[in-house]
Amino acid sequence: MYYRIGYISEGIRLVFHILRCRRGIVVLSFKDERPDPKAKGKKYTTTWFDMLRIENGKIAEHWDSALKE
């Protein structure tokens, strides 16, 4: 099952692009523009994900990607 979702709430600026749920695994995909730590005054666009394994209604495991440093 896929969902395209806008802003999470007014206080949170991250945007979900895709939410996938299947057999206790949830995958969230994000896109954001961030300051480039290697080029002062410039920004870059990045995407990343979070993957969760749900067990008994709670997060049992979590995996994600790394941001540019």
PDB file of N, CA and C in Angstrom:
ATOM      1  N   MET A   1       0.838  -1.157   0.000  1.00  0.00           N
ATOM      2  CA  MET A   1       0.000   0.000   0.000  1.00  0.00           C
ATOM      3  C   MET A   1       0.893   1.233   0.000  1.00  0.00           C
ATOM      4  N   TYR A   2       0.654   2.171  -0.896  1.00  0.00           N
ATOM      5  CA  TYR A   2       1.430   3.408  -1.001  1.00  0.00           C
ATOM      6  C   TYR A   2       0.543   4.602  -0.700  1.00  0.00           C
ATOM      7  N   TYR A   3       1.110   5.612  -0.053  1.00  0.00           N
ATOM      8  CA  TYR A   3       0.417   6.864   0.197  1.00  0.00           C
ATOM      9  C   TYR A   3       1.354   8.010  -0.152  1.00  0.00           C
ATOM     10  N   ARG A   4       0.829   9.046  -0.728  1.00  0.00           N
ATOM     11  CA  ARG A   4       1.586  10.276  -0.901  1.00  0.00           C
ATOM     12  C   ARG A   4       0.986  11.261   0.092  1.00  0.00           C
ATOM     13  N   ILE A   5       1.827  11.839   0.916  1.00  0.00           N
ATOM     14  CA  ILE A   5       1.357  12.665   2.028  1.00  0.00           C
ATOM     15  C   ILE A   5       2.037  14.016   1.979  1.00  0.00           C
ATOM     16  N   GLY A   6       1.320  15.079   2.335  1.00  0.00           N
ATOM     17  CA  GLY A   6       1.903  16.413   2.410  1.00  0.00           C
ATOM     18  C   GLY A   6       2.626  16.604   3.732  1.00  0.00           C
ATOM     19  N   TYR A   7       2.650  17.825   4.219  1.00  0.00           N
ATOM     20  CA  TYR A   7       3.330  18.121   5.479  1.00  0.00           C
ATOM     21  C   TYR A   7       2.714  17.320   6.622  1.00  0.00           C
ATOM     22  N   ILE A   8       3.552  16.897   7.559  1.00  0.00           N
ATOM     23  CA  ILE A   8       3.113  16.085   8.690  1.00  0.00           C
ATOM     24  C   ILE A   8       2.188  16.910   9.583  1.00  0.00           C
ATOM     25  N   SER A   9       2.655  18.078   9.996  1.00  0.00           N
ATOM     26  CA  SER A   9       1.860  19.011  10.797  1.00  0.00           C
ATOM     27  C   SER A   9       2.520  20.377  10.685  1.00  0.00           C
ATOM     28  N   GLU A  10       1.887  21.402  11.204  1.00  0.00           N
ATOM     29  CA  GLU A  10       2.430  22.757  11.071  1.00  0.00           C
ATOM     30  C   GLU A  10       3.797  22.914  11.711  1.00  0.00           C
ATOM     31  N   GLY A  11       4.067  22.234  12.815  1.00  0.00           N
ATOM     32  CA  GLY A  11       5.334  22.380  13.516  1.00  0.00           C
ATOM     33  C   GLY A  11       6.468  21.558  12.931  1.00  0.00           C
ATOM     34  N   ILE A  12       6.166  20.669  11.997  1.00  0.00           N
ATOM     35  CA  ILE A  12       7.186  19.796  11.414  1.00  0.00           C
ATOM     36  C   ILE A  12       7.268  20.086   9.926  1.00  0.00           C
ATOM     37  N   ARG A  13       8.481  20.397   9.425  1.00  0.00           N
ATOM     38  CA  ARG A  13       8.600  20.813   8.042  1.00  0.00           C
ATOM     39  C   ARG A  13       8.964  19.703   7.069  1.00  0.00           C
ATOM     40  N   LEU A  14       9.234  18.499   7.549  1.00  0.00           N
ATOM     41  CA  LEU A  14       9.562  17.393   6.651  1.00  0.00           C
ATOM     42  C   LEU A  14       8.331  16.972   5.870  1.00  0.00           C
ATOM     43  N   VAL A  15       8.537  16.550   4.641  1.00  0.00           N
ATOM     44  CA  VAL A  15       7.443  16.113   3.792  1.00  0.00           C
ATOM     45  C   VAL A  15       7.629  14.632   3.478  1.00  0.00           C
ATOM     46  N   PHE A  16       6.609  13.832   3.773  1.00  0.00           N
ATOM     47  CA  PHE A  16       6.609  12.438   3.337  1.00  0.00           C
ATOM     48  C   PHE A  16       6.327  12.432   1.844  1.00  0.00           C
ATOM     49  N   HIS A  17       7.065  11.663   1.091  1.00  0.00           N
ATOM     50  CA  HIS A  17       6.735  11.499  -0.318  1.00  0.00           C
ATOM     51  C   HIS A  17       6.063  10.164  -0.559  1.00  0.00           C
ATOM     52  N   ILE A  18       6.533   9.141   0.094  1.00  0.00           N
ATOM     53  CA  ILE A  18       5.911   7.829  -0.050  1.00  0.00           C
ATOM     54  C   ILE A  18       5.905   7.137   1.307  1.00  0.00           C
ATOM     55  N   LEU A  19       4.803   6.528   1.623  1.00  0.00           N
ATOM     56  CA  LEU A  19       4.692   5.698   2.806  1.00  0.00           C
ATOM     57  C   LEU A  19       4.262   4.325   2.321  1.00  0.00           C
ATOM     58  N   ARG A  20       5.030   3.313   2.667  1.00  0.00           N
ATOM     59  CA  ARG A  20       4.695   1.950   2.256  1.00  0.00           C
ATOM     60  C   ARG A  20       4.601   1.087   3.504  1.00  0.00           C
ATOM     61  N   CYS A  21       3.523   0.318   3.610  1.00  0.00           N
ATOM     62  CA  CYS A  21       3.315  -0.573   4.749  1.00  0.00           C
ATOM     63  C   CYS A  21       3.007  -1.968   4.217  1.00  0.00           C
ATOM     64  N   ARG A  22       3.713  -2.950   4.777  1.00  0.00           N
ATOM     65  CA  ARG A  22       3.436  -4.324   4.375  1.00  0.00           C
ATOM     66  C   ARG A  22       4.016  -5.289   5.400  1.00  0.00           C
ATOM     67  N   ARG A  23       3.193  -6.170   5.910  1.00  0.00           N
ATOM     68  CA  ARG A  23       3.619  -7.226   6.831  1.00  0.00           C
ATOM     69  C   ARG A  23       4.493  -6.718   7.977  1.00  0.00           C
ATOM     70  N   GLY A  24       4.079  -5.659   8.627  1.00  0.00           N
ATOM     71  CA  GLY A  24       4.806  -5.156   9.786  1.00  0.00           C
ATOM     72  C   GLY A  24       6.008  -4.296   9.462  1.00  0.00           C
ATOM     73  N   ILE A  25       6.259  -4.017   8.180  1.00  0.00           N
ATOM     74  CA  ILE A  25       7.367  -3.144   7.772  1.00  0.00           C
ATOM     75  C   ILE A  25       6.780  -1.852   7.217  1.00  0.00           C
ATOM     76  N   VAL A  26       7.261  -0.725   7.713  1.00  0.00           N
ATOM     77  CA  VAL A  26       6.819   0.591   7.254  1.00  0.00           C
ATOM     78  C   VAL A  26       8.036   1.297   6.677  1.00  0.00           C
ATOM     79  N   VAL A  27       7.912   1.837   5.454  1.00  0.00           N
ATOM     80  CA  VAL A  27       8.999   2.588   4.818  1.00  0.00           C
ATOM     81  C   VAL A  27       8.499   3.997   4.524  1.00  0.00           C
ATOM     82  N   LEU A  28       9.230   4.982   5.021  1.00  0.00           N
ATOM     83  CA  LEU A  28       8.915   6.392   4.791  1.00  0.00           C
ATOM     84  C   LEU A  28       9.993   6.986   3.906  1.00  0.00           C
ATOM     85  N   SER A  29       9.611   7.751   2.903  1.00  0.00           N
ATOM     86  CA  SER A  29      10.567   8.415   2.019  1.00  0.00           C
ATOM     87  C   SER A  29      10.408   9.923   2.182  1.00  0.00           C
ATOM     88  N   PHE A  30      11.522  10.643   2.298  1.00  0.00           N
ATOM     89  CA  PHE A  30      11.520  12.090   2.521  1.00  0.00           C
ATOM     90  C   PHE A  30      12.365  12.805   1.465  1.00  0.00           C
ATOM     91  N   LYS A  31      12.065  14.083   1.268  1.00  0.00           N
ATOM     92  CA  LYS A  31      12.870  14.948   0.408  1.00  0.00           C
ATOM     93  C   LYS A  31      12.980  16.287   1.120  1.00  0.00           C
ATOM     94  N   ASP A  32      14.192  16.889   1.115  1.00  0.00           N
ATOM     95  CA  ASP A  32      14.379  18.156   1.814  1.00  0.00           C
ATOM     96  C   ASP A  32      15.530  18.926   1.188  1.00  0.00           C
ATOM     97  N   GLU A  33      15.530  20.229   1.369  1.00  0.00           N
ATOM     98  CA  GLU A  33      16.637  21.092   0.942  1.00  0.00           C
ATOM     99  C   GLU A  33      17.393  21.501   2.199  1.00  0.00           C
ATOM    100  N   ARG A  34      18.723  21.329   2.186  1.00  0.00           N
ATOM    101  CA  ARG A  34      19.553  21.587   3.373  1.00  0.00           C
ATOM    102  C   ARG A  34      20.752  22.443   3.020  1.00  0.00           C
ATOM    103  N   PRO A  35      21.326  23.139   4.014  1.00  0.00           N
ATOM    104  CA  PRO A  35      22.560  23.891   3.775  1.00  0.00           C
ATOM    105  C   PRO A  35      23.700  22.913   3.473  1.00  0.00           C
ATOM    106  N   ASP A  36      24.509  23.235   2.480  1.00  0.00           N
ATOM    107  CA  ASP A  36      25.640  22.375   2.113  1.00  0.00           C
ATOM    108  C   ASP A  36      26.799  22.651   3.064  1.00  0.00           C
ATOM    109  N   PRO A  37      27.214  21.661   3.859  1.00  0.00           N
ATOM    110  CA  PRO A  37      28.290  21.887   4.830  1.00  0.00           C
ATOM    111  C   PRO A  37      29.662  22.112   4.187  1.00  0.00           C
ATOM    112  N   LYS A  38      29.790  21.780   2.895  1.00  0.00           N
ATOM    113  CA  LYS A  38      31.076  21.936   2.204  1.00  0.00           C
ATOM    114  C   LYS A  38      31.102  23.129   1.265  1.00  0.00           C
ATOM    115  N   ALA A  39      29.967  23.821   1.117  1.00  0.00           N
ATOM    116  CA  ALA A  39      29.897  24.989   0.234  1.00  0.00           C
ATOM    117  C   ALA A  39      29.037  26.050   0.920  1.00  0.00           C
ATOM    118  N   LYS A  40      29.683  26.915   1.686  1.00  0.00           N
ATOM    119  CA  LYS A  40      28.984  27.932   2.464  1.00  0.00           C
ATOM    120  C   LYS A  40      28.058  28.771   1.578  1.00  0.00           C
ATOM    121  N   GLY A  41      26.833  28.957   2.054  1.00  0.00           N
ATOM    122  CA  GLY A  41      25.852  29.764   1.337  1.00  0.00           C
ATOM    123  C   GLY A  41      25.069  28.999   0.282  1.00  0.00           C
ATOM    124  N   LYS A  42      25.438  27.748   0.018  1.00  0.00           N
ATOM    125  CA  LYS A  42      24.718  26.946  -0.968  1.00  0.00           C
ATOM    126  C   LYS A  42      23.863  25.909  -0.263  1.00  0.00           C
ATOM    127  N   LYS A  43      22.883  25.416  -0.987  1.00  0.00           N
ATOM    128  CA  LYS A  43      22.014  24.368  -0.474  1.00  0.00           C
ATOM    129  C   LYS A  43      22.049  23.186  -1.428  1.00  0.00           C
ATOM    130  N   TYR A  44      21.636  22.044  -0.921  1.00  0.00           N
ATOM    131  CA  TYR A  44      21.503  20.871  -1.772  1.00  0.00           C
ATOM    132  C   TYR A  44      20.188  20.171  -1.426  1.00  0.00           C
ATOM    133  N   THR A  45      19.646  19.455  -2.392  1.00  0.00           N
ATOM    134  CA  THR A  45      18.425  18.694  -2.182  1.00  0.00           C
ATOM    135  C   THR A  45      18.822  17.256  -1.921  1.00  0.00           C
ATOM    136  N   THR A  46      18.214  16.676  -0.902  1.00  0.00           N
ATOM    137  CA  THR A  46      18.529  15.296  -0.547  1.00  0.00           C
ATOM    138  C   THR A  46      17.242  14.506  -0.337  1.00  0.00           C
ATOM    139  N   THR A  47      17.356  13.222  -0.473  1.00  0.00           N
ATOM    140  CA  THR A  47      16.258  12.316  -0.152  1.00  0.00           C
ATOM    141  C   THR A  47      16.789  11.279   0.824  1.00  0.00           C
ATOM    142  N   TRP A  48      15.933  10.743   1.634  1.00  0.00           N
ATOM    143  CA  TRP A  48      16.340   9.676   2.532  1.00  0.00           C
ATOM    144  C   TRP A  48      15.117   8.873   2.943  1.00  0.00           C
ATOM    145  N   PHE A  49      15.351   7.819   3.685  1.00  0.00           N
ATOM    146  CA  PHE A  49      14.268   6.944   4.089  1.00  0.00           C
ATOM    147  C   PHE A  49      14.420   6.561   5.552  1.00  0.00           C
ATOM    148  N   ASP A  50      13.342   6.124   6.121  1.00  0.00           N
ATOM    149  CA  ASP A  50      13.324   5.460   7.415  1.00  0.00           C
ATOM    150  C   ASP A  50      12.525   4.177   7.229  1.00  0.00           C
ATOM    151  N   MET A  51      13.028   3.085   7.744  1.00  0.00           N
ATOM    152  CA  MET A  51      12.333   1.808   7.688  1.00  0.00           C
ATOM    153  C   MET A  51      12.133   1.312   9.116  1.00  0.00           C
ATOM    154  N   LEU A  52      10.910   0.913   9.419  1.00  0.00           N
ATOM    155  CA  LEU A  52      10.561   0.472  10.762  1.00  0.00           C
ATOM    156  C   LEU A  52       9.950  -0.927  10.701  1.00  0.00           C
ATOM    157  N   ARG A  53      10.273  -1.745  11.672  1.00  0.00           N
ATOM    158  CA  ARG A  53       9.583  -3.026  11.825  1.00  0.00           C
ATOM    159  C   ARG A  53       8.687  -2.896  13.045  1.00  0.00           C
ATOM    160  N   ILE A  54       7.397  -3.126  12.840  1.00  0.00           N
ATOM    161  CA  ILE A  54       6.414  -2.984  13.900  1.00  0.00           C
ATOM    162  C   ILE A  54       6.089  -4.369  14.462  1.00  0.00           C
ATOM    163  N   GLU A  55       6.108  -4.473  15.783  1.00  0.00           N
ATOM    164  CA  GLU A  55       5.776  -5.727  16.451  1.00  0.00           C
ATOM    165  C   GLU A  55       4.894  -5.408  17.655  1.00  0.00           C
ATOM    166  N   ASN A  56       3.749  -6.028  17.724  1.00  0.00           N
ATOM    167  CA  ASN A  56       2.793  -5.789  18.822  1.00  0.00           C
ATOM    168  C   ASN A  56       2.452  -4.305  18.963  1.00  0.00           C
ATOM    169  N   GLY A  57       2.315  -3.602  17.838  1.00  0.00           N
ATOM    170  CA  GLY A  57       1.928  -2.199  17.841  1.00  0.00           C
ATOM    171  C   GLY A  57       3.015  -1.218  18.229  1.00  0.00           C
ATOM    172  N   LYS A  58       4.272  -1.701  18.374  1.00  0.00           N
ATOM    173  CA  LYS A  58       5.382  -0.823  18.758  1.00  0.00           C
ATOM    174  C   LYS A  58       6.534  -0.988  17.776  1.00  0.00           C
ATOM    175  N   ILE A  59       7.393   0.025  17.704  1.00  0.00           N
ATOM    176  CA  ILE A  59       8.574  -0.059  16.844  1.00  0.00           C
ATOM    177  C   ILE A  59       9.564  -1.029  17.478  1.00  0.00           C
ATOM    178  N   ALA A  60       9.893  -2.094  16.752  1.00  0.00           N
ATOM    179  CA  ALA A  60      10.839  -3.097  17.244  1.00  0.00           C
ATOM    180  C   ALA A  60      12.243  -2.859  16.691  1.00  0.00           C
ATOM    181  N   GLU A  61      12.324  -2.358  15.436  1.00  0.00           N
ATOM    182  CA  GLU A  61      13.618  -2.057  14.815  1.00  0.00           C
ATOM    183  C   GLU A  61      13.467  -0.834  13.929  1.00  0.00           C
ATOM    184  N   HIS A  62      14.590  -0.148  13.683  1.00  0.00           N
ATOM    185  CA  HIS A  62      14.611   1.064  12.862  1.00  0.00           C
ATOM    186  C   HIS A  62      15.880   1.113  12.049  1.00  0.00           C
ATOM    187  N   TRP A  63      15.767   1.430  10.759  1.00  0.00           N
ATOM    188  CA  TRP A  63      16.924   1.636   9.890  1.00  0.00           C
ATOM    189  C   TRP A  63      16.710   2.930   9.126  1.00  0.00           C
ATOM    190  N   ASP A  64      17.808   3.634   8.812  1.00  0.00           N
ATOM    191  CA  ASP A  64      17.685   4.840   7.985  1.00  0.00           C
ATOM    192  C   ASP A  64      18.987   5.092   7.241  1.00  0.00           C
ATOM    193  N   SER A  65      18.958   6.096   6.394  1.00  0.00           N
ATOM    194  CA  SER A  65      20.140   6.474   5.620  1.00  0.00           C
ATOM    195  C   SER A  65      20.864   7.619   6.316  1.00  0.00           C
ATOM    196  N   ALA A  66      22.026   7.980   5.812  1.00  0.00           N
ATOM    197  CA  ALA A  66      22.841   9.050   6.417  1.00  0.00           C
ATOM    198  C   ALA A  66      22.756  10.317   5.570  1.00  0.00           C
ATOM    199  N   LEU A  67      22.887  11.468   6.217  1.00  0.00           N
ATOM    200  CA  LEU A  67      22.907  12.751   5.523  1.00  0.00           C
ATOM    201  C   LEU A  67      24.336  13.157   5.202  1.00  0.00           C
ATOM    202  N   LYS A  68      24.489  14.064   4.273  1.00  0.00           N
ATOM    203  CA  LYS A  68      25.784  14.610   3.878  1.00  0.00           C
ATOM    204  C   LYS A  68      26.404  15.360   5.049  1.00  0.00           C
ATOM    205  N   GLU A  69      27.684  15.128   5.315  1.00  0.00           N
ATOM    206  CA  GLU A  69      28.365  15.825   6.420  1.00  0.00           C
ATOM    207  C   GLU A  69      29.568  16.559   5.921  1.00  0.00           C
TER     208      GLU A  69
END
